[in-house]
Amino acid sequence: MADFYNPEVQQIFPDSCAIKSQQLILNDFGIEVSEVDLVQTAAVNGWYNGGTAPQDVGNLLELANIPVTRQEGANVLISDVLTVM
């Protein structure tokens, strides 16, 4: 697993994992934005207050016109991810 570690993926705040995940996706789409800027945007919009509610995950992507599909109760297993890699 250590071979996959990338310090740029580490979130800054202990409760910003959903925001950090969206930042990584935004970066993949060529939208360079900081985690701090996204935390501020999410907070102003009521999507972040000591964490992100499940229904608000993806809102930052939608704000950038990136389509989002939400699925309740979905699971991703590390073994499934490693199989794809």
N, C-alpha and C. Protein backbone atom coordinates (compact mmCIF):
# COMPACT_ATOMS: atom_id res chain seq x y z
N MET A 1 0.82 -1.19 0.00
CA MET A 1 0.00 0.00 0.00
C MET A 1 0.86 1.25 0.00
N ALA A 2 2.03 1.20 0.61
CA ALA A 2 2.90 2.36 0.68
C ALA A 2 3.28 2.88 -0.70
N ASP A 3 3.27 1.99 -1.70
CA ASP A 3 3.59 2.40 -3.06
C ASP A 3 2.57 3.36 -3.63
N PHE A 4 1.35 3.36 -3.07
CA PHE A 4 0.27 4.20 -3.59
C PHE A 4 0.15 5.52 -2.84
N TYR A 5 0.95 5.75 -1.79
CA TYR A 5 0.83 6.96 -0.99
C TYR A 5 1.22 8.19 -1.79
N ASN A 6 0.38 9.20 -1.73
CA ASN A 6 0.65 10.48 -2.37
C ASN A 6 0.30 11.57 -1.37
N PRO A 7 1.27 12.34 -0.89
CA PRO A 7 0.98 13.36 0.13
C PRO A 7 0.00 14.43 -0.35
N GLU A 8 -0.14 14.63 -1.65
CA GLU A 8 -1.08 15.62 -2.16
C GLU A 8 -2.53 15.19 -1.94
N VAL A 9 -2.75 13.93 -1.62
CA VAL A 9 -4.10 13.42 -1.39
C VAL A 9 -4.52 13.62 0.07
N GLN A 10 -3.57 13.85 0.95
CA GLN A 10 -3.87 14.03 2.38
C GLN A 10 -4.72 15.28 2.59
N GLN A 11 -5.83 15.12 3.27
CA GLN A 11 -6.68 16.27 3.56
C GLN A 11 -6.06 17.13 4.65
N ILE A 12 -6.36 18.43 4.63
CA ILE A 12 -5.81 19.38 5.58
C ILE A 12 -6.55 19.31 6.92
N PHE A 13 -7.86 19.21 6.85
CA PHE A 13 -8.70 19.23 8.05
C PHE A 13 -9.17 17.82 8.38
N PRO A 14 -9.39 17.51 9.65
CA PRO A 14 -9.79 16.15 10.01
C PRO A 14 -11.20 15.77 9.55
N ASP A 15 -12.00 16.76 9.15
CA ASP A 15 -13.39 16.50 8.77
C ASP A 15 -13.72 16.92 7.34
N SER A 16 -12.69 17.01 6.50
CA SER A 16 -12.90 17.51 5.13
C SER A 16 -12.67 16.44 4.06
N CYS A 17 -12.86 15.17 4.40
CA CYS A 17 -12.58 14.10 3.44
C CYS A 17 -13.46 14.21 2.18
N ALA A 18 -14.73 14.54 2.34
CA ALA A 18 -15.61 14.66 1.18
C ALA A 18 -15.19 15.84 0.30
N ILE A 19 -14.74 16.90 0.93
CA ILE A 19 -14.30 18.07 0.17
C ILE A 19 -12.98 17.76 -0.53
N LYS A 20 -12.06 17.10 0.15
CA LYS A 20 -10.79 16.73 -0.47
C LYS A 20 -11.03 15.81 -1.66
N SER A 21 -11.94 14.87 -1.52
CA SER A 21 -12.26 13.97 -2.62
C SER A 21 -12.78 14.74 -3.84
N GLN A 22 -13.62 15.72 -3.59
CA GLN A 22 -14.14 16.53 -4.69
C GLN A 22 -13.04 17.39 -5.30
N GLN A 23 -12.10 17.85 -4.48
CA GLN A 23 -10.98 18.62 -5.01
C GLN A 23 -10.16 17.77 -5.98
N LEU A 24 -9.91 16.54 -5.63
CA LEU A 24 -9.14 15.65 -6.50
C LEU A 24 -9.85 15.43 -7.83
N ILE A 25 -11.17 15.28 -7.78
CA ILE A 25 -11.94 15.12 -9.02
C ILE A 25 -11.91 16.40 -9.84
N LEU A 26 -12.08 17.55 -9.19
CA LEU A 26 -12.00 18.83 -9.90
C LEU A 26 -10.64 18.97 -10.57
N ASN A 27 -9.58 18.61 -9.87
CA ASN A 27 -8.23 18.68 -10.46
C ASN A 27 -8.13 17.78 -11.68
N ASP A 28 -8.72 16.58 -11.61
CA ASP A 28 -8.72 15.67 -12.76
C ASP A 28 -9.42 16.28 -13.96
N PHE A 29 -10.40 17.16 -13.71
CA PHE A 29 -11.11 17.85 -14.78
C PHE A 29 -10.41 19.14 -15.20
N GLY A 30 -9.21 19.37 -14.68
CA GLY A 30 -8.44 20.55 -15.04
C GLY A 30 -8.81 21.80 -14.27
N ILE A 31 -9.56 21.66 -13.21
CA ILE A 31 -9.97 22.80 -12.38
C ILE A 31 -9.09 22.81 -11.14
N GLU A 32 -8.14 23.69 -11.10
CA GLU A 32 -7.21 23.79 -9.98
C GLU A 32 -7.80 24.70 -8.92
N VAL A 33 -8.10 24.14 -7.79
CA VAL A 33 -8.68 24.88 -6.68
C VAL A 33 -8.15 24.27 -5.39
N SER A 34 -7.95 25.08 -4.37
CA SER A 34 -7.40 24.57 -3.12
C SER A 34 -8.49 23.98 -2.24
N GLU A 35 -8.07 23.10 -1.36
CA GLU A 35 -9.01 22.52 -0.39
C GLU A 35 -9.58 23.63 0.50
N VAL A 36 -8.76 24.60 0.88
CA VAL A 36 -9.23 25.70 1.73
C VAL A 36 -10.32 26.49 1.01
N ASP A 37 -10.13 26.79 -0.27
CA ASP A 37 -11.15 27.51 -1.03
C ASP A 37 -12.45 26.71 -1.10
N LEU A 38 -12.34 25.39 -1.27
CA LEU A 38 -13.53 24.55 -1.34
C LEU A 38 -14.24 24.47 0.00
N VAL A 39 -13.47 24.40 1.08
CA VAL A 39 -14.06 24.39 2.43
C VAL A 39 -14.85 25.69 2.64
N GLN A 40 -14.26 26.81 2.24
CA GLN A 40 -14.94 28.10 2.40
C GLN A 40 -16.21 28.16 1.56
N THR A 41 -16.13 27.70 0.32
CA THR A 41 -17.31 27.69 -0.56
C THR A 41 -18.41 26.80 0.00
N ALA A 42 -18.01 25.62 0.48
CA ALA A 42 -18.99 24.70 1.04
C ALA A 42 -19.63 25.28 2.31
N ALA A 43 -18.83 25.92 3.14
CA ALA A 43 -19.35 26.50 4.37
C ALA A 43 -20.35 27.62 4.07
N VAL A 44 -20.01 28.48 3.12
CA VAL A 44 -20.90 29.59 2.76
C VAL A 44 -22.23 29.07 2.23
N ASN A 45 -22.20 27.93 1.54
CA ASN A 45 -23.42 27.35 0.96
C ASN A 45 -24.15 26.41 1.92
N GLY A 46 -23.62 26.24 3.13
CA GLY A 46 -24.26 25.37 4.11
C GLY A 46 -24.01 23.89 3.89
N TRP A 47 -22.97 23.55 3.12
CA TRP A 47 -22.65 22.15 2.82
C TRP A 47 -21.56 21.59 3.72
N TYR A 48 -20.98 22.42 4.56
CA TYR A 48 -19.88 22.00 5.43
C TYR A 48 -20.01 22.70 6.76
N ASN A 49 -20.12 21.90 7.81
CA ASN A 49 -20.16 22.42 9.16
C ASN A 49 -19.64 21.31 10.06
N GLY A 50 -18.33 21.21 10.16
CA GLY A 50 -17.74 20.11 10.90
C GLY A 50 -17.87 18.80 10.17
N GLY A 51 -17.91 18.84 8.87
CA GLY A 51 -18.08 17.68 8.01
C GLY A 51 -19.09 17.98 6.92
N THR A 52 -19.30 17.03 6.04
CA THR A 52 -20.24 17.19 4.94
C THR A 52 -21.31 16.11 5.05
N ALA A 53 -22.56 16.52 5.05
CA ALA A 53 -23.66 15.55 5.10
C ALA A 53 -23.68 14.75 3.80
N PRO A 54 -24.07 13.48 3.88
CA PRO A 54 -24.07 12.64 2.67
C PRO A 54 -24.81 13.25 1.48
N GLN A 55 -25.93 13.90 1.73
CA GLN A 55 -26.69 14.49 0.63
C GLN A 55 -25.99 15.69 -0.02
N ASP A 56 -24.97 16.23 0.64
CA ASP A 56 -24.24 17.38 0.09
C ASP A 56 -22.95 16.99 -0.62
N VAL A 57 -22.56 15.73 -0.51
CA VAL A 57 -21.36 15.27 -1.23
C VAL A 57 -21.65 15.34 -2.72
N GLY A 58 -20.82 16.03 -3.45
CA GLY A 58 -21.00 16.22 -4.89
C GLY A 58 -21.47 17.61 -5.25
N ASN A 59 -21.92 18.38 -4.27
CA ASN A 59 -22.41 19.72 -4.57
C ASN A 59 -21.34 20.63 -5.15
N LEU A 60 -20.11 20.48 -4.68
CA LEU A 60 -19.01 21.30 -5.23
C LEU A 60 -18.73 20.93 -6.68
N LEU A 61 -18.87 19.65 -7.00
CA LEU A 61 -18.70 19.21 -8.39
C LEU A 61 -19.81 19.79 -9.26
N GLU A 62 -21.04 19.72 -8.78
CA GLU A 62 -22.16 20.27 -9.53
C GLU A 62 -22.01 21.77 -9.74
N LEU A 63 -21.46 22.46 -8.74
CA LEU A 63 -21.21 23.90 -8.85
C LEU A 63 -20.26 24.19 -10.02
N ALA A 64 -19.37 23.24 -10.30
CA ALA A 64 -18.42 23.38 -11.41
C ALA A 64 -18.93 22.73 -12.69
N ASN A 65 -20.24 22.41 -12.72
CA ASN A 65 -20.89 21.79 -13.88
C ASN A 65 -20.36 20.40 -14.22
N ILE A 66 -19.92 19.68 -13.21
CA ILE A 66 -19.53 18.29 -13.37
C ILE A 66 -20.71 17.44 -12.91
N PRO A 67 -21.24 16.59 -13.79
CA PRO A 67 -22.41 15.80 -13.39
C PRO A 67 -22.09 14.81 -12.28
N VAL A 68 -23.07 14.60 -11.42
CA VAL A 68 -22.92 13.73 -10.26
C VAL A 68 -24.08 12.74 -10.23
N THR A 69 -23.77 11.51 -9.90
CA THR A 69 -24.79 10.50 -9.64
C THR A 69 -24.60 10.03 -8.21
N ARG A 70 -25.64 10.06 -7.42
CA ARG A 70 -25.55 9.66 -6.02
C ARG A 70 -26.19 8.30 -5.84
N GLN A 71 -25.60 7.50 -4.97
CA GLN A 71 -26.11 6.16 -4.67
C GLN A 71 -26.03 5.92 -3.17
N GLU A 72 -27.16 5.71 -2.53
CA GLU A 72 -27.15 5.41 -1.09
C GLU A 72 -26.79 3.95 -0.87
N GLY A 73 -26.04 3.68 0.18
CA GLY A 73 -25.71 2.31 0.56
C GLY A 73 -24.68 1.64 -0.32
N ALA A 74 -23.97 2.42 -1.15
CA ALA A 74 -22.96 1.82 -2.03
C ALA A 74 -21.70 1.51 -1.24
N ASN A 75 -20.99 0.48 -1.65
CA ASN A 75 -19.75 0.08 -1.01
C ASN A 75 -18.64 -0.01 -2.04
N VAL A 76 -17.45 0.41 -1.64
CA VAL A 76 -16.26 0.21 -2.45
C VAL A 76 -15.25 -0.48 -1.56
N LEU A 77 -14.83 -1.65 -1.97
CA LEU A 77 -13.86 -2.40 -1.20
C LEU A 77 -12.47 -2.18 -1.76
N ILE A 78 -11.49 -2.07 -0.89
CA ILE A 78 -10.10 -1.88 -1.32
C ILE A 78 -9.71 -2.99 -2.28
N SER A 79 -10.15 -4.21 -2.04
CA SER A 79 -9.80 -5.32 -2.94
C SER A 79 -10.33 -5.06 -4.35
N ASP A 80 -11.51 -4.45 -4.46
CA ASP A 80 -12.07 -4.11 -5.77
C ASP A 80 -11.22 -3.03 -6.46
N VAL A 81 -10.79 -2.05 -5.69
CA VAL A 81 -9.97 -0.97 -6.24
C VAL A 81 -8.63 -1.52 -6.72
N LEU A 82 -8.00 -2.35 -5.93
CA LEU A 82 -6.70 -2.92 -6.29
C LEU A 82 -6.81 -3.83 -7.50
N THR A 83 -7.93 -4.48 -7.67
CA THR A 83 -8.14 -5.34 -8.84
C THR A 83 -8.14 -4.50 -10.12
N VAL A 84 -8.73 -3.33 -10.05
CA VAL A 84 -8.80 -2.44 -11.22
C VAL A 84 -7.43 -1.85 -11.52
N MET A 85 -6.64 -1.59 -10.48
CA MET A 85 -5.33 -0.98 -10.67
C MET A 85 -4.41 -2.02 -11.26
